[in-house]
Amino acid sequence: MRIFTEQRLSEYIQQHPETKTALQEWKYVVRHSQWRNFADIKLTFNSVDAVGNQRYVFNIMGNNHRLVVVIKFTIYFVYIRFIGTHEEYDHMNKTIGAKNI
């Protein structure tokens, strides 16, 4: 899979250095995957949730942080839409909803 907007992850790691190892591992696994559907993602990351509109939510560091991405399976493309703490995700989700990120 190709990850678009990786810069967001680098910026987040600078703000939250405790996430560095977890996010580097997530990037490595994603880059070496060839997901064709949600079931393939679920085999790789058991805690991932599909929230609709091609968006998926990954729990980072035991659900302390959330990562929302859009995945285009046909072109093996992952687009980072949001990264934040669980609290920031909950606030954003109440405000606009995960499907609209």
C-alpha atoms as a PDB file:
ATOM      1  CA  MET A   1       0.000   0.000   0.000  1.00  0.00           C
ATOM      2  CA  ARG A   2       1.119   3.555  -0.664  1.00  0.00           C
ATOM      3  CA  ILE A   3       0.636   6.040   2.156  1.00  0.00           C
ATOM      4  CA  PHE A   4      -0.210   9.593   1.162  1.00  0.00           C
ATOM      5  CA  THR A   5       0.341  12.518   3.538  1.00  0.00           C
ATOM      6  CA  GLU A   6       2.876  10.733   5.753  1.00  0.00           C
ATOM      7  CA  GLN A   7       4.050  14.186   6.807  1.00  0.00           C
ATOM      8  CA  ARG A   8       1.045  14.311   9.150  1.00  0.00           C
ATOM      9  CA  LEU A   9       2.421  11.310  11.008  1.00  0.00           C
ATOM     10  CA  SER A  10       5.875  12.892  11.321  1.00  0.00           C
ATOM     11  CA  GLU A  11       4.361  16.092  12.682  1.00  0.00           C
ATOM     12  CA  TYR A  12       2.228  14.135  15.131  1.00  0.00           C
ATOM     13  CA  ILE A  13       5.256  12.177  16.351  1.00  0.00           C
ATOM     14  CA  GLN A  14       7.032  15.467  17.060  1.00  0.00           C
ATOM     15  CA  GLN A  15       4.087  16.578  19.189  1.00  0.00           C
ATOM     16  CA  HIS A  16       3.584  13.144  20.782  1.00  0.00           C
ATOM     17  CA  PRO A  17       6.987  11.378  20.864  1.00  0.00           C
ATOM     18  CA  GLU A  18       5.532   8.430  22.768  1.00  0.00           C
ATOM     19  CA  THR A  19       3.753   7.404  19.534  1.00  0.00           C
ATOM     20  CA  LYS A  20       6.933   7.092  17.453  1.00  0.00           C
ATOM     21  CA  THR A  21       7.419   3.327  17.712  1.00  0.00           C
ATOM     22  CA  ALA A  22       3.734   2.498  17.258  1.00  0.00           C
ATOM     23  CA  LEU A  23       3.317   4.778  14.230  1.00  0.00           C
ATOM     24  CA  GLN A  24       6.557   3.579  12.615  1.00  0.00           C
ATOM     25  CA  GLU A  25       5.346   0.006  13.035  1.00  0.00           C
ATOM     26  CA  TRP A  26       1.931   0.921  11.567  1.00  0.00           C
ATOM     27  CA  LYS A  27       3.626   2.540   8.535  1.00  0.00           C
ATOM     28  CA  TYR A  28       5.885  -0.469   7.989  1.00  0.00           C
ATOM     29  CA  VAL A  29       3.013  -2.944   8.123  1.00  0.00           C
ATOM     30  CA  VAL A  30       0.794  -0.837   5.838  1.00  0.00           C
ATOM     31  CA  ARG A  31       3.550  -0.329   3.252  1.00  0.00           C
ATOM     32  CA  HIS A  32       4.090  -4.089   3.073  1.00  0.00           C
ATOM     33  CA  SER A  33       0.391  -4.955   2.781  1.00  0.00           C
ATOM     34  CA  GLN A  34      -1.772  -5.401  -0.279  1.00  0.00           C
ATOM     35  CA  TRP A  35      -5.242  -5.150   1.132  1.00  0.00           C
ATOM     36  CA  ARG A  36      -8.136  -5.842  -1.222  1.00  0.00           C
ATOM     37  CA  ASN A  37     -10.965  -5.299   1.271  1.00  0.00           C
ATOM     38  CA  PHE A  38     -11.849  -4.657   4.900  1.00  0.00           C
ATOM     39  CA  ALA A  39     -11.413  -8.323   5.818  1.00  0.00           C
ATOM     40  CA  ASP A  40      -7.759  -8.122   4.740  1.00  0.00           C
ATOM     41  CA  ILE A  41      -7.203  -5.090   6.983  1.00  0.00           C
ATOM     42  CA  LYS A  42      -8.922  -6.852   9.878  1.00  0.00           C
ATOM     43  CA  LEU A  43      -6.519  -9.790   9.527  1.00  0.00           C
ATOM     44  CA  THR A  44      -3.612  -7.367   9.885  1.00  0.00           C
ATOM     45  CA  PHE A  45      -5.068  -4.986  12.496  1.00  0.00           C
ATOM     46  CA  ASN A  46      -7.779  -6.680  14.542  1.00  0.00           C
ATOM     47  CA  SER A  47      -8.926  -3.451  16.222  1.00  0.00           C
ATOM     48  CA  VAL A  48      -9.583  -1.470  13.018  1.00  0.00           C
ATOM     49  CA  ASP A  49     -13.127  -0.169  12.470  1.00  0.00           C
ATOM     50  CA  ALA A  50     -14.865   0.650   9.197  1.00  0.00           C
ATOM     51  CA  VAL A  51     -16.831   3.883   9.640  1.00  0.00           C
ATOM     52  CA  GLY A  52     -18.218   4.190   6.115  1.00  0.00           C
ATOM     53  CA  ASN A  53     -17.378   6.237   3.039  1.00  0.00           C
ATOM     54  CA  GLN A  54     -14.091   4.283   2.560  1.00  0.00           C
ATOM     55  CA  ARG A  55     -12.859   5.447   5.977  1.00  0.00           C
ATOM     56  CA  TYR A  56     -11.201   3.267   8.577  1.00  0.00           C
ATOM     57  CA  VAL A  57     -10.185   4.028  12.161  1.00  0.00           C
ATOM     58  CA  PHE A  58      -7.046   2.486  13.655  1.00  0.00           C
ATOM     59  CA  ASN A  59      -6.343   2.405  17.380  1.00  0.00           C
ATOM     60  CA  ILE A  60      -2.776   3.437  18.161  1.00  0.00           C
ATOM     61  CA  MET A  61      -1.020   2.625  21.434  1.00  0.00           C
ATOM     62  CA  GLY A  62      -3.848   0.711  23.054  1.00  0.00           C
ATOM     63  CA  ASN A  63      -6.529   3.102  21.827  1.00  0.00           C
ATOM     64  CA  ASN A  64      -4.863   6.195  23.324  1.00  0.00           C
ATOM     65  CA  HIS A  65      -4.576   7.689  19.829  1.00  0.00           C
ATOM     66  CA  ARG A  66      -6.746   7.351  16.740  1.00  0.00           C
ATOM     67  CA  LEU A  67      -5.778   7.344  13.083  1.00  0.00           C
ATOM     68  CA  VAL A  68      -8.463   7.818  10.415  1.00  0.00           C
ATOM     69  CA  VAL A  69      -7.618   6.955   6.817  1.00  0.00           C
ATOM     70  CA  VAL A  70      -9.326   6.636   3.469  1.00  0.00           C
ATOM     71  CA  ILE A  71      -8.359   3.468   1.613  1.00  0.00           C
ATOM     72  CA  LYS A  72      -8.678   3.006  -2.135  1.00  0.00           C
ATOM     73  CA  PHE A  73      -8.263  -0.743  -2.518  1.00  0.00           C
ATOM     74  CA  THR A  74      -8.118  -0.818  -6.318  1.00  0.00           C
ATOM     75  CA  ILE A  75      -5.014   1.375  -6.417  1.00  0.00           C
ATOM     76  CA  TYR A  76      -3.519   0.297  -3.053  1.00  0.00           C
ATOM     77  CA  PHE A  77      -3.696   3.816  -1.683  1.00  0.00           C
ATOM     78  CA  VAL A  78      -3.991   4.973   1.960  1.00  0.00           C
ATOM     79  CA  TYR A  79      -4.758   8.640   2.607  1.00  0.00           C
ATOM     80  CA  ILE A  80      -4.345   9.932   6.150  1.00  0.00           C
ATOM     81  CA  ARG A  81      -7.305  12.114   7.126  1.00  0.00           C
ATOM     82  CA  PHE A  82      -6.864  12.516  10.893  1.00  0.00           C
ATOM     83  CA  ILE A  83      -4.474  11.624  13.683  1.00  0.00           C
ATOM     84  CA  GLY A  84      -5.115  12.608  17.273  1.00  0.00           C
ATOM     85  CA  THR A  85      -5.686  11.500  20.819  1.00  0.00           C
ATOM     86  CA  HIS A  86      -8.746   9.443  21.600  1.00  0.00           C
ATOM     87  CA  GLU A  87     -10.249  12.517  23.280  1.00  0.00           C
ATOM     88  CA  GLU A  88      -9.634  14.685  20.185  1.00  0.00           C
ATOM     89  CA  TYR A  89     -11.182  11.969  18.010  1.00  0.00           C
ATOM     90  CA  ASP A  90     -14.272  11.751  20.224  1.00  0.00           C
ATOM     91  CA  HIS A  91     -14.710  15.528  20.132  1.00  0.00           C
ATOM     92  CA  MET A  92     -14.279  15.667  16.353  1.00  0.00           C
ATOM     93  CA  ASN A  93     -16.551  12.669  15.859  1.00  0.00           C
ATOM     94  CA  LYS A  94     -19.335  14.334  17.879  1.00  0.00           C
ATOM     95  CA  THR A  95     -18.872  17.556  15.931  1.00  0.00           C
ATOM     96  CA  ILE A  96     -18.645  16.357  12.316  1.00  0.00           C
ATOM     97  CA  GLY A  97     -18.679  12.553  12.397  1.00  0.00           C
ATOM     98  CA  ALA A  98     -15.941  10.160  11.303  1.00  0.00           C
ATOM     99  CA  LYS A  99     -17.557   9.635   7.901  1.00  0.00           C
ATOM    100  CA  ASN A 100     -16.981  13.309   7.088  1.00  0.00           C
ATOM    101  CA  ILE A 101     -13.332  13.549   8.038  1.00  0.00           C
END
